[in-house]
C-alpha atoms as a PDB file:
ATOM      1  CA  MET A   1     160.013  40.639 -11.156  1.00  0.00           C
ATOM      2  CA  LYS A   2     162.228  43.157 -12.145  1.00  0.00           C
ATOM      3  CA  TYR A   3     161.400  42.547 -15.874  1.00  0.00           C
ATOM      4  CA  ARG A   4     157.905  42.848 -15.100  1.00  0.00           C
ATOM      5  CA  ILE A   5     157.682  46.038 -13.596  1.00  0.00           C
ATOM      6  CA  ASN A   6     159.830  47.929 -16.262  1.00  0.00           C
ATOM      7  CA  ILE A   7     157.423  46.589 -18.718  1.00  0.00           C
ATOM      8  CA  LYS A   8     154.800  48.339 -16.106  1.00  0.00           C
ATOM      9  CA  HIS A   9     156.915  51.487 -16.071  1.00  0.00           C
ATOM     10  CA  ASN A  10     157.440  51.605 -20.005  1.00  0.00           C
ATOM     11  CA  PHE A  11     153.955  51.497 -20.599  1.00  0.00           C
ATOM     12  CA  TYR A  12     153.204  54.684 -18.712  1.00  0.00           C
ATOM     13  CA  LEU A  13     155.719  55.900 -20.301  1.00  0.00           C
ATOM     14  CA  ILE A  14     154.227  55.187 -23.631  1.00  0.00           C
ATOM     15  CA  ILE A  15     150.687  55.778 -22.618  1.00  0.00           C
ATOM     16  CA  ILE A  16     150.663  58.862 -20.767  1.00  0.00           C
ATOM     17  CA  PRO A  17     151.828  61.004 -23.794  1.00  0.00           C
ATOM     18  CA  ILE A  18     149.469  59.287 -25.998  1.00  0.00           C
ATOM     19  CA  ILE A  19     146.683  60.416 -23.723  1.00  0.00           C
ATOM     20  CA  GLY A  20     147.925  63.763 -23.601  1.00  0.00           C
ATOM     21  CA  PHE A  21     148.435  64.467 -26.905  1.00  0.00           C
ATOM     22  CA  ALA A  22     145.306  63.305 -28.170  1.00  0.00           C
ATOM     23  CA  SER A  23     143.617  65.528 -25.351  1.00  0.00           C
ATOM     24  CA  SER A  24     145.609  68.609 -26.760  1.00  0.00           C
ATOM     25  CA  CYS A  25     144.582  67.163 -30.124  1.00  0.00           C
ATOM     26  CA  ASN A  26     140.815  67.319 -29.217  1.00  0.00           C
ATOM     27  CA  GLN A  27     141.120  71.111 -27.635  1.00  0.00           C
ATOM     28  CA  ASN A  28     142.911  72.077 -31.224  1.00  0.00           C
ATOM     29  CA  LEU A  29     140.068  71.014 -32.987  1.00  0.00           C
ATOM     30  CA  LYS A  30     137.809  73.543 -31.600  1.00  0.00           C
ATOM     31  CA  GLN A  31     137.431  76.815 -33.781  1.00  0.00           C
ATOM     32  CA  ASP A  32     137.180  79.948 -32.314  1.00  0.00           C
ATOM     33  CA  ILE A  33     134.673  82.663 -33.138  1.00  0.00           C
ATOM     34  CA  SER A  34     134.648  86.164 -31.518  1.00  0.00           C
ATOM     35  CA  LEU A  35     131.598  87.920 -30.964  1.00  0.00           C
ATOM     36  CA  PHE A  36     131.774  91.723 -30.469  1.00  0.00           C
ATOM     37  CA  ALA A  37     128.380  93.129 -28.801  1.00  0.00           C
ATOM     38  CA  ALA A  38     126.580  95.754 -27.322  1.00  0.00           C
ATOM     39  CA  ALA A  39     126.637  95.702 -23.367  1.00  0.00           C
ATOM     40  CA  GLY A  40     122.572  95.689 -23.393  1.00  0.00           C
ATOM     41  CA  THR A  41     122.429  92.177 -25.098  1.00  0.00           C
ATOM     42  CA  MET A  42     124.923  90.084 -22.970  1.00  0.00           C
ATOM     43  CA  LEU A  43     122.109  87.783 -21.288  1.00  0.00           C
ATOM     44  CA  HIS A  44     120.555  86.719 -24.507  1.00  0.00           C
ATOM     45  CA  CYS A  45     123.633  86.619 -26.666  1.00  0.00           C
ATOM     46  CA  ASN A  46     124.908  84.606 -23.837  1.00  0.00           C
ATOM     47  CA  GLU A  47     122.281  82.104 -23.735  1.00  0.00           C
ATOM     48  CA  ILE A  48     122.061  81.882 -27.964  1.00  0.00           C
ATOM     49  CA  CYS A  49     125.532  81.136 -28.073  1.00  0.00           C
ATOM     50  CA  ASP A  50     125.153  78.552 -24.985  1.00  0.00           C
ATOM     51  CA  SER A  51     122.367  76.680 -27.383  1.00  0.00           C
ATOM     52  CA  ILE A  52     125.096  76.974 -30.085  1.00  0.00           C
ATOM     53  CA  ILE A  53     128.155  75.454 -28.389  1.00  0.00           C
ATOM     54  CA  SER A  54     125.884  72.868 -26.460  1.00  0.00           C
ATOM     55  CA  HIS A  55     125.740  70.642 -29.944  1.00  0.00           C
ATOM     56  CA  TYR A  56     129.118  71.986 -31.447  1.00  0.00           C
ATOM     57  CA  ASN A  57     132.920  71.779 -30.666  1.00  0.00           C
ATOM     58  CA  LEU A  58     133.580  75.481 -31.082  1.00  0.00           C
ATOM     59  CA  ASN A  59     134.278  78.194 -28.205  1.00  0.00           C
ATOM     60  CA  ILE A  60     132.451  81.644 -28.741  1.00  0.00           C
ATOM     61  CA  GLU A  61     134.702  84.279 -26.928  1.00  0.00           C
ATOM     62  CA  LYS A  62     132.187  86.983 -26.174  1.00  0.00           C
ATOM     63  CA  ASN A  63     133.203  90.985 -25.673  1.00  0.00           C
ATOM     64  CA  TYR A  64     130.784  92.965 -24.133  1.00  0.00           C
ATOM     65  CA  ALA A  65     131.005  96.983 -24.151  1.00  0.00           C
ATOM     66  CA  ALA A  66     129.226  99.960 -25.397  1.00  0.00           C
ATOM     67  CA  SER A  67     128.778  99.982 -28.931  1.00  0.00           C
ATOM     68  CA  GLY A  68     131.257 103.050 -29.621  1.00  0.00           C
ATOM     69  CA  SER A  69     133.860 101.272 -27.737  1.00  0.00           C
ATOM     70  CA  LEU A  70     133.564  98.273 -29.676  1.00  0.00           C
ATOM     71  CA  ALA A  71     133.343  99.895 -32.684  1.00  0.00           C
ATOM     72  CA  ARG A  72     136.690 101.709 -31.841  1.00  0.00           C
ATOM     73  CA  GLN A  73     138.572  98.290 -30.778  1.00  0.00           C
ATOM     74  CA  ILE A  74     137.654  96.948 -34.096  1.00  0.00           C
ATOM     75  CA  GLN A  75     139.159 100.012 -35.800  1.00  0.00           C
ATOM     76  CA  ALA A  76     142.249  99.474 -33.941  1.00  0.00           C
ATOM     77  CA  GLY A  77     142.554  95.890 -34.568  1.00  0.00           C
ATOM     78  CA  ALA A  78     140.967  93.909 -32.451  1.00  0.00           C
ATOM     79  CA  GLN A  79     139.958  90.359 -33.853  1.00  0.00           C
ATOM     80  CA  ALA A  80     136.000  90.270 -33.833  1.00  0.00           C
ATOM     81  CA  ASP A  81     134.003  88.431 -36.131  1.00  0.00           C
ATOM     82  CA  ILE A  82     130.543  89.240 -35.870  1.00  0.00           C
ATOM     83  CA  PHE A  83     129.782  92.489 -34.398  1.00  0.00           C
ATOM     84  CA  ILE A  84     126.275  93.274 -32.948  1.00  0.00           C
ATOM     85  CA  SER A  85     125.733  97.379 -32.305  1.00  0.00           C
ATOM     86  CA  ALA A  86     122.761  99.423 -30.434  1.00  0.00           C
ATOM     87  CA  ASN A  87     122.142 101.374 -33.354  1.00  0.00           C
ATOM     88  CA  LYS A  88     123.385 101.953 -36.918  1.00  0.00           C
ATOM     89  CA  GLN A  89     125.823 104.941 -36.358  1.00  0.00           C
ATOM     90  CA  TRP A  90     128.649 102.308 -35.010  1.00  0.00           C
ATOM     91  CA  ILE A  91     127.937 100.080 -38.197  1.00  0.00           C
ATOM     92  CA  ASP A  92     128.542 103.010 -40.452  1.00  0.00           C
ATOM     93  CA  PHE A  93     131.408 103.958 -38.551  1.00  0.00           C
ATOM     94  CA  LEU A  94     133.177 100.804 -39.597  1.00  0.00           C
ATOM     95  CA  SER A  95     132.068 100.717 -43.155  1.00  0.00           C
ATOM     96  CA  ASP A  96     133.305 104.169 -43.683  1.00  0.00           C
ATOM     97  CA  ASN A  97     136.734 102.344 -42.553  1.00  0.00           C
ATOM     98  CA  GLU A  98     135.843  99.354 -44.958  1.00  0.00           C
ATOM     99  CA  LEU A  99     135.883  97.068 -42.049  1.00  0.00           C
ATOM    100  CA  ILE A 100     132.782  95.286 -42.625  1.00  0.00           C
ATOM    101  CA  LEU A 101     131.003  93.191 -45.478  1.00  0.00           C
ATOM    102  CA  GLU A 102     128.681  95.569 -46.315  1.00  0.00           C
ATOM    103  CA  ASN A 103     125.852  92.788 -47.448  1.00  0.00           C
ATOM    104  CA  SER A 104     125.743  91.464 -44.055  1.00  0.00           C
ATOM    105  CA  ILE A 105     124.149  94.276 -42.347  1.00  0.00           C
ATOM    106  CA  SER A 106     121.126  93.376 -40.505  1.00  0.00           C
ATOM    107  CA  GLU A 107     118.650  93.976 -37.841  1.00  0.00           C
ATOM    108  CA  ILE A 108     117.952  91.974 -35.539  1.00  0.00           C
ATOM    109  CA  ALA A 109     115.598  93.834 -32.759  1.00  0.00           C
ATOM    110  CA  GLY A 110     114.215  96.814 -31.614  1.00  0.00           C
ATOM    111  CA  ASN A 111     113.817  98.087 -28.444  1.00  0.00           C
ATOM    112  CA  LYS A 112     112.274 101.236 -26.194  1.00  0.00           C
ATOM    113  CA  LEU A 113     112.787 103.584 -23.575  1.00  0.00           C
ATOM    114  CA  VAL A 114     111.944 103.558 -20.178  1.00  0.00           C
ATOM    115  CA  VAL A 115     112.396 105.779 -16.946  1.00  0.00           C
ATOM    116  CA  ILE A 116     113.860 103.352 -13.977  1.00  0.00           C
ATOM    117  CA  CYS A 117     114.105 104.440 -10.368  1.00  0.00           C
ATOM    118  CA  PRO A 118     114.207 102.661  -6.960  1.00  0.00           C
ATOM    119  CA  ILE A 119     111.680 100.137  -6.012  1.00  0.00           C
ATOM    120  CA  GLY A 120     109.638 102.069  -3.504  1.00  0.00           C
ATOM    121  CA  LYS A 121     110.557 105.527  -4.630  1.00  0.00           C
ATOM    122  CA  LYS A 122     107.582 107.614  -5.745  1.00  0.00           C
ATOM    123  CA  LEU A 123     108.196 109.446  -8.977  1.00  0.00           C
ATOM    124  CA  GLU A 124     106.121 111.949 -10.562  1.00  0.00           C
ATOM    125  CA  LEU A 125     106.746 112.767 -14.163  1.00  0.00           C
ATOM    126  CA  ASP A 126     105.059 114.205 -16.707  1.00  0.00           C
ATOM    127  CA  PHE A 127     106.319 114.442 -20.607  1.00  0.00           C
ATOM    128  CA  SER A 128     105.708 117.966 -21.611  1.00  0.00           C
ATOM    129  CA  LYS A 129     108.161 121.139 -22.400  1.00  0.00           C
ATOM    130  CA  GLN A 130     106.329 122.983 -19.469  1.00  0.00           C
ATOM    131  CA  PHE A 131     106.957 120.326 -16.757  1.00  0.00           C
ATOM    132  CA  ASP A 132     109.677 121.360 -13.903  1.00  0.00           C
ATOM    133  CA  ILE A 133     112.111 118.287 -14.288  1.00  0.00           C
ATOM    134  CA  ARG A 134     114.468 119.613 -12.085  1.00  0.00           C
ATOM    135  CA  SER A 135     111.853 118.833  -9.135  1.00  0.00           C
ATOM    136  CA  THR A 136     112.138 115.346  -9.646  1.00  0.00           C
ATOM    137  CA  ILE A 137     115.861 115.544  -9.016  1.00  0.00           C
ATOM    138  CA  SER A 138     117.500 115.653  -5.388  1.00  0.00           C
ATOM    139  CA  ASN A 139     120.647 113.898  -6.195  1.00  0.00           C
ATOM    140  CA  ASN A 140     121.267 112.603  -9.809  1.00  0.00           C
ATOM    141  CA  ILE A 141     120.163 111.035 -12.564  1.00  0.00           C
ATOM    142  CA  SER A 142     122.152 108.946 -15.081  1.00  0.00           C
ATOM    143  CA  ILE A 143     122.200 108.186 -19.089  1.00  0.00           C
ATOM    144  CA  GLY A 144     124.684 106.302 -20.901  1.00  0.00           C
ATOM    145  CA  GLU A 145     127.257 108.689 -22.271  1.00  0.00           C
ATOM    146  CA  PRO A 146     125.601 109.634 -25.887  1.00  0.00           C
ATOM    147  CA  GLN A 147     129.016 109.991 -27.499  1.00  0.00           C
ATOM    148  CA  TYR A 148     129.696 105.861 -27.379  1.00  0.00           C
ATOM    149  CA  VAL A 149     126.835 104.790 -25.773  1.00  0.00           C
ATOM    150  CA  PRO A 150     123.266 104.392 -27.999  1.00  0.00           C
ATOM    151  CA  ALA A 151     121.257 104.068 -25.304  1.00  0.00           C
ATOM    152  CA  GLY A 152     122.266 107.563 -24.241  1.00  0.00           C
ATOM    153  CA  LYS A 153     121.885 108.942 -27.025  1.00  0.00           C
ATOM    154  CA  TYR A 154     118.492 108.108 -27.676  1.00  0.00           C
ATOM    155  CA  ALA A 155     117.929 109.420 -23.968  1.00  0.00           C
ATOM    156  CA  LYS A 156     119.563 112.629 -24.561  1.00  0.00           C
ATOM    157  CA  GLN A 157     116.937 113.238 -27.687  1.00  0.00           C
ATOM    158  CA  ALA A 158     114.289 112.563 -25.752  1.00  0.00           C
ATOM    159  CA  LEU A 159     115.250 115.245 -23.104  1.00  0.00           C
ATOM    160  CA  ASP A 160     116.183 117.650 -25.667  1.00  0.00           C
ATOM    161  CA  SER A 161     112.785 117.007 -27.332  1.00  0.00           C
ATOM    162  CA  LEU A 162     111.360 118.345 -24.131  1.00  0.00           C
ATOM    163  CA  HIS A 163     114.231 120.826 -23.668  1.00  0.00           C
ATOM    164  CA  TRP A 164     115.389 119.318 -20.074  1.00  0.00           C
ATOM    165  CA  PHE A 165     118.597 118.209 -20.756  1.00  0.00           C
ATOM    166  CA  ASP A 166     120.060 121.654 -20.743  1.00  0.00           C
ATOM    167  CA  LYS A 167     118.277 122.328 -17.065  1.00  0.00           C
ATOM    168  CA  ILE A 168     119.282 119.496 -15.371  1.00  0.00           C
ATOM    169  CA  ARG A 169     123.001 119.051 -17.184  1.00  0.00           C
ATOM    170  CA  HIS A 170     125.160 119.397 -13.806  1.00  0.00           C
ATOM    171  CA  LYS A 171     122.762 116.754 -12.123  1.00  0.00           C
ATOM    172  CA  ILE A 172     123.255 113.820 -15.181  1.00  0.00           C
ATOM    173  CA  ILE A 173     126.015 110.802 -14.345  1.00  0.00           C
ATOM    174  CA  LEU A 174     127.153 109.446 -17.958  1.00  0.00           C
ATOM    175  CA  ALA A 175     127.715 105.946 -17.584  1.00  0.00           C
ATOM    176  CA  LYS A 176     130.263 104.148 -19.845  1.00  0.00           C
ATOM    177  CA  ASP A 177     127.225 101.710 -20.912  1.00  0.00           C
ATOM    178  CA  VAL A 178     123.857 100.880 -20.206  1.00  0.00           C
ATOM    179  CA  THR A 179     124.369  98.023 -17.544  1.00  0.00           C
ATOM    180  CA  SER A 180     126.002 100.950 -15.673  1.00  0.00           C
ATOM    181  CA  VAL A 181     123.193 102.737 -15.705  1.00  0.00           C
ATOM    182  CA  VAL A 182     120.574 100.718 -13.999  1.00  0.00           C
ATOM    183  CA  HIS A 183     123.945  99.951 -11.377  1.00  0.00           C
ATOM    184  CA  TYR A 184     123.589 103.594 -10.496  1.00  0.00           C
ATOM    185  CA  VAL A 185     119.802 103.505  -9.455  1.00  0.00           C
ATOM    186  CA  GLU A 186     120.686 100.231  -7.364  1.00  0.00           C
ATOM    187  CA  LEU A 187     123.291 101.689  -5.619  1.00  0.00           C
ATOM    188  CA  GLY A 188     121.160 104.629  -4.674  1.00  0.00           C
ATOM    189  CA  GLU A 189     123.278 107.049  -6.072  1.00  0.00           C
ATOM    190  CA  CYS A 190     120.870 108.338  -8.722  1.00  0.00           C
ATOM    191  CA  ASP A 191     117.027 109.518  -8.292  1.00  0.00           C
ATOM    192  CA  TRP A 192     116.296 107.930 -11.532  1.00  0.00           C
ATOM    193  CA  ALA A 193     117.410 106.815 -14.809  1.00  0.00           C
ATOM    194  CA  ILE A 194     116.837 106.104 -18.777  1.00  0.00           C
ATOM    195  CA  VAL A 195     117.640 102.747 -20.116  1.00  0.00           C
ATOM    196  CA  TYR A 196     116.521 100.371 -22.374  1.00  0.00           C
ATOM    197  CA  TYR A 197     112.825  98.369 -21.371  1.00  0.00           C
ATOM    198  CA  SER A 198     114.876  94.966 -21.697  1.00  0.00           C
ATOM    199  CA  GLU A 199     117.853  96.303 -19.339  1.00  0.00           C
ATOM    200  CA  ALA A 200     115.392  97.737 -16.966  1.00  0.00           C
ATOM    201  CA  LEU A 201     113.734  93.975 -16.520  1.00  0.00           C
ATOM    202  CA  LYS A 202     117.255  92.185 -15.204  1.00  0.00           C
ATOM    203  CA  SER A 203     116.930  93.928 -12.364  1.00  0.00           C
ATOM    204  CA  ASN A 204     115.184  93.239  -9.308  1.00  0.00           C
ATOM    205  CA  LYS A 205     115.975  96.515  -7.179  1.00  0.00           C
ATOM    206  CA  VAL A 206     114.426  98.875  -9.463  1.00  0.00           C
ATOM    207  CA  LYS A 207     110.913  99.381 -10.960  1.00  0.00           C
ATOM    208  CA  ILE A 208     109.541 100.839 -14.119  1.00  0.00           C
ATOM    209  CA  ALA A 209     108.116 104.132 -13.665  1.00  0.00           C
ATOM    210  CA  TYR A 210     106.976 105.383 -16.752  1.00  0.00           C
ATOM    211  CA  GLU A 211     107.571 104.463 -20.372  1.00  0.00           C
ATOM    212  CA  ILE A 212     108.901 107.829 -22.714  1.00  0.00           C
ATOM    213  CA  PRO A 213     106.813 108.288 -25.799  1.00  0.00           C
ATOM    214  CA  GLN A 214     108.534 106.793 -28.405  1.00  0.00           C
ATOM    215  CA  LYS A 215     107.963 110.193 -30.550  1.00  0.00           C
ATOM    216  CA  LEU A 216     110.454 112.181 -28.505  1.00  0.00           C
ATOM    217  CA  TYR A 217     113.448 109.755 -29.926  1.00  0.00           C
ATOM    218  CA  SER A 218     114.484 107.830 -33.242  1.00  0.00           C
ATOM    219  CA  PRO A 219     113.409 104.164 -33.572  1.00  0.00           C
ATOM    220  CA  ILE A 220     115.609 101.994 -31.576  1.00  0.00           C
ATOM    221  CA  GLN A 221     116.927  99.077 -33.588  1.00  0.00           C
ATOM    222  CA  PHE A 222     119.660  96.506 -32.852  1.00  0.00           C
ATOM    223  CA  TYR A 223     121.793  95.721 -36.061  1.00  0.00           C
ATOM    224  CA  MET A 224     124.469  92.840 -36.691  1.00  0.00           C
ATOM    225  CA  VAL A 225     127.179  92.610 -39.353  1.00  0.00           C
ATOM    226  CA  LEU A 226     129.928  89.968 -40.197  1.00  0.00           C
ATOM    227  CA  ILE A 227     133.561  91.727 -39.940  1.00  0.00           C
ATOM    228  CA  LYS A 228     134.936  88.395 -41.127  1.00  0.00           C
ATOM    229  CA  GLU A 229     133.238  85.881 -43.507  1.00  0.00           C
ATOM    230  CA  THR A 230     134.108  82.311 -42.796  1.00  0.00           C
ATOM    231  CA  ASP A 231     132.136  79.407 -42.834  1.00  0.00           C
ATOM    232  CA  LEU A 232     131.361  79.160 -39.623  1.00  0.00           C
ATOM    233  CA  SER A 233     130.655  82.819 -38.915  1.00  0.00           C
ATOM    234  CA  LYS A 234     128.334  82.869 -41.296  1.00  0.00           C
ATOM    235  CA  LYS A 235     126.602  79.798 -40.032  1.00  0.00           C
ATOM    236  CA  ILE A 236     126.438  81.455 -36.157  1.00  0.00           C
ATOM    237  CA  TYR A 237     125.324  85.032 -37.948  1.00  0.00           C
ATOM    238  CA  GLN A 238     122.310  83.166 -39.477  1.00  0.00           C
ATOM    239  CA  TYR A 239     121.643  81.124 -36.080  1.00  0.00           C
ATOM    240  CA  PHE A 240     121.416  84.789 -34.702  1.00  0.00           C
ATOM    241  CA  LYS A 241     118.671  85.671 -37.230  1.00  0.00           C
ATOM    242  CA  SER A 242     116.343  82.830 -36.708  1.00  0.00           C
ATOM    243  CA  ASN A 243     113.199  82.444 -35.086  1.00  0.00           C
ATOM    244  CA  ARG A 244     114.881  80.433 -31.839  1.00  0.00           C
ATOM    245  CA  ALA A 245     117.247  83.197 -31.648  1.00  0.00           C
ATOM    246  CA  LYS A 246     114.907  86.283 -31.785  1.00  0.00           C
ATOM    247  CA  ASN A 247     112.231  83.982 -29.592  1.00  0.00           C
ATOM    248  CA  ILE A 248     115.691  84.533 -26.950  1.00  0.00           C
ATOM    249  CA  PHE A 249     115.682  88.451 -27.509  1.00  0.00           C
ATOM    250  CA  ALA A 250     111.927  88.792 -27.409  1.00  0.00           C
ATOM    251  CA  LYS A 251     112.087  86.427 -24.030  1.00  0.00           C
ATOM    252  CA  TYR A 252     114.368  89.668 -22.608  1.00  0.00           C
ATOM    253  CA  GLY A 253     111.849  92.623 -23.725  1.00  0.00           C
ATOM    254  CA  PHE A 254     113.080  93.210 -27.023  1.00  0.00           C
ATOM    255  CA  ILE A 255     110.862  93.508 -30.080  1.00  0.00           C
ATOM    256  CA  THR A 256     111.365  91.186 -32.914  1.00  0.00           C
ATOM    257  CA  ASN A 257     110.162  90.781 -35.844  1.00  0.00           C
ATOM    258  CA  LYS A 258     110.077  86.511 -36.639  1.00  0.00           C
ATOM    259  CA  LEU A 259     108.213  87.079 -39.917  1.00  0.00           C
ATOM    260  CA  ASP A 260     111.238  86.885 -42.413  1.00  0.00           C
ATOM    261  CA  THR A 261     113.274  84.684 -40.037  1.00  0.00           C
ATOM    262  CA  LEU A 262     114.948  81.314 -40.779  1.00  0.00           C
ATOM    263  CA  ALA A 263     113.852  78.398 -38.795  1.00  0.00           C
ATOM    264  CA  LEU A 264     117.550  77.404 -37.997  1.00  0.00           C
ATOM    265  CA  THR A 265     118.200  75.212 -35.256  1.00  0.00           C
ATOM    266  CA  PRO A 266     121.709  74.100 -34.102  1.00  0.00           C
ATOM    267  CA  GLN A 267     121.492  71.179 -35.721  1.00  0.00           C
ATOM    268  CA  SER A 268     120.903  72.649 -39.205  1.00  0.00           C
ATOM    269  CA  PHE A 269     124.383  73.851 -39.153  1.00  0.00           C
END
């Protein structure tokens, strides 16, 4: 009896470390990819990434913030494989610092600006220089910080085109990213705000009051670039350019051109 107990005891002493070692090896087989992406792309990037990792043994580490903040993180040494920016300015910033693969710069989607306000609020705007914009603001409005947030830069362009910005400068809350702009309106801290159309669609607590005439600001394009070139990063980069990925972008309110994309699926990796 004692001999049999020892055998059983020894069996567990041997088999448990083996199982643990095998589990550890399996985890170590996972490859890591780091995606830095503009805050306004979070929902669709998450969905695209989920469709990739459901087929492959890899981890996609995602970092969402204002494009300018992300670009400065990369400049400071943050480890990123792929960068998605809400405008070309921060791609050029990294290019000037020789931190990207120049031939990998790619437009992946477009967008447009809208004015949002709380549901139930009546807002009347006239996009002309003669309109008294101050009459629409009893509290504050919000846009992204133009220096770092592309949505804020486009919003300021529109306000400047109408000669409105200087008139209401003291009433503008500058937010750290476009998602935060929406939150200010949701919380009732702002009478209205300017955001991407795609961002406005995410919230059931705000409504789109107006689409801002596109002649008032530069065309909005989102860009993607490779920071590090590996077989895996190139495959994921190509997948983000595929029709499947662009259909996801379109679902969330982005403007895409699917005529020049590759019909990739995860199975084609």
